């Protein structure tokens, strides 16, 4: 059992469930306060504000939809269009996808 837990944690893999993108797009308020994992590719940087962070447009693995996500300055690294990340996020007020951690893959 401990070995299985270590395999997930040691490989940097999240135990969160993937965001059901299509359902989220239909009614984001149903997902408020929930945490999910998203395997994404950065499509565009929509906005950046020093001391705050950035809003990115990402495509989520398994979906053709583009989602805006907020990456706080203390979480973000040097992010470029085309890079792929596994993001752990919480759905905040207004349906905002707020990234808490990210790992390049």
Protein backbone atom coordinates (compact mmCIF):
# COMPACT_ATOMS: atom_id res chain seq x y z
CA UNK A 1 0.00 0.00 0.00
CA UNK A 2 2.76 2.46 0.96
CA UNK A 3 4.55 1.65 -2.29
CA UNK A 4 1.45 2.54 -4.33
CA UNK A 5 1.07 5.85 -2.48
CA UNK A 6 4.73 6.63 -3.05
CA UNK A 7 4.49 5.81 -6.76
CA UNK A 8 1.84 8.49 -7.26
CA UNK A 9 3.43 11.07 -4.95
CA UNK A 10 7.03 10.42 -5.96
CA UNK A 11 6.23 10.70 -9.66
CA UNK A 12 4.56 14.06 -9.05
CA UNK A 13 1.19 12.70 -10.13
CA UNK A 14 -1.92 14.14 -8.59
CA UNK A 15 -4.63 12.08 -6.92
CA UNK A 16 -7.21 14.70 -7.94
CA UNK A 17 -9.78 13.85 -10.58
CA UNK A 18 -9.61 15.57 -13.97
CA UNK A 19 -11.85 18.58 -14.52
CA UNK A 20 -14.90 17.50 -16.56
CA UNK A 21 -14.41 20.35 -19.04
CA UNK A 22 -17.64 20.05 -21.02
CA UNK A 23 -19.78 19.99 -17.83
CA UNK A 24 -17.75 22.85 -16.36
CA UNK A 25 -18.34 24.96 -19.48
CA UNK A 26 -22.10 24.37 -19.26
CA UNK A 27 -22.42 25.37 -15.59
CA UNK A 28 -19.22 26.53 -13.85
CA UNK A 29 -21.07 27.37 -10.62
CA UNK A 30 -21.64 23.64 -10.02
CA UNK A 31 -17.88 23.25 -9.52
CA UNK A 32 -17.18 26.09 -7.05
CA UNK A 33 -14.71 25.11 -4.32
CA UNK A 34 -13.74 21.83 -5.99
CA UNK A 35 -10.14 20.90 -6.80
CA UNK A 36 -9.11 19.21 -10.04
CA UNK A 37 -6.10 18.30 -12.12
CA UNK A 38 -5.82 19.57 -15.69
CA UNK A 39 -3.26 18.40 -18.25
CA UNK A 40 -2.91 21.44 -20.47
CA UNK A 41 -1.03 23.16 -23.24
CA UNK A 42 -0.65 26.93 -23.12
CA UNK A 43 -2.38 28.51 -26.11
CA UNK A 44 -1.93 32.22 -25.26
CA UNK A 45 -1.14 34.65 -22.48
CA UNK A 46 -4.18 36.89 -22.16
CA UNK A 47 -3.00 39.22 -19.39
CA UNK A 48 -0.12 39.73 -16.98
CA UNK A 49 0.06 42.04 -13.98
CA UNK A 50 3.22 42.46 -11.93
CA UNK A 51 2.74 41.33 -8.33
CA UNK A 52 -0.49 39.51 -9.18
CA UNK A 53 0.01 36.91 -11.91
CA UNK A 54 -1.28 36.05 -15.34
CA UNK A 55 -4.33 34.79 -17.15
CA UNK A 56 -3.58 32.11 -19.71
CA UNK A 57 -5.72 30.46 -22.35
CA UNK A 58 -5.06 26.73 -22.26
CA UNK A 59 -6.33 23.70 -24.08
CA UNK A 60 -7.08 20.74 -21.85
CA UNK A 61 -6.03 17.23 -22.84
CA UNK A 62 -9.08 15.33 -24.11
CA UNK A 63 -11.04 18.47 -25.02
CA UNK A 64 -10.99 20.93 -27.90
CA UNK A 65 -12.15 23.76 -25.62
CA UNK A 66 -9.94 26.69 -24.62
CA UNK A 67 -10.13 27.63 -20.95
CA UNK A 68 -8.87 30.76 -19.20
CA UNK A 69 -6.87 29.96 -16.07
CA UNK A 70 -5.33 32.28 -13.49
CA UNK A 71 -1.74 31.55 -12.45
CA UNK A 72 -0.64 33.59 -9.41
CA UNK A 73 2.82 35.14 -9.62
CA UNK A 74 4.14 32.95 -6.78
CA UNK A 75 3.08 29.78 -8.66
CA UNK A 76 4.07 30.69 -12.20
CA UNK A 77 7.47 30.08 -13.64
CA UNK A 78 8.72 31.19 -17.01
CA UNK A 79 5.70 30.13 -19.03
CA UNK A 80 5.61 30.04 -22.83
CA UNK A 81 2.96 29.37 -25.44
CA UNK A 82 3.10 25.72 -26.49
CA UNK A 83 4.44 24.40 -23.19
CA UNK A 84 2.50 21.58 -21.53
CA UNK A 85 1.69 21.51 -17.83
CA UNK A 86 -0.19 19.41 -15.33
CA UNK A 87 -2.04 21.95 -13.19
CA UNK A 88 -3.77 21.46 -9.88
CA UNK A 89 -6.52 24.03 -9.59
CA UNK A 90 -9.51 25.09 -7.52
CA UNK A 91 -12.65 26.56 -9.00
CA UNK A 92 -13.10 29.96 -7.35
CA UNK A 93 -15.94 32.48 -7.24
CA UNK A 94 -17.27 33.30 -10.69
CA UNK A 95 -16.05 29.95 -12.02
CA UNK A 96 -12.41 31.09 -12.20
CA UNK A 97 -9.92 28.25 -12.62
CA UNK A 98 -7.25 29.25 -10.07
CA UNK A 99 -4.00 27.30 -10.46
CA UNK A 100 -2.40 26.25 -7.16
CA UNK A 101 0.51 24.18 -8.52
CA UNK A 102 1.87 23.27 -11.93
CA UNK A 103 4.43 20.87 -13.31
CA UNK A 104 5.85 20.76 -16.81
CA UNK A 105 5.42 17.46 -18.67
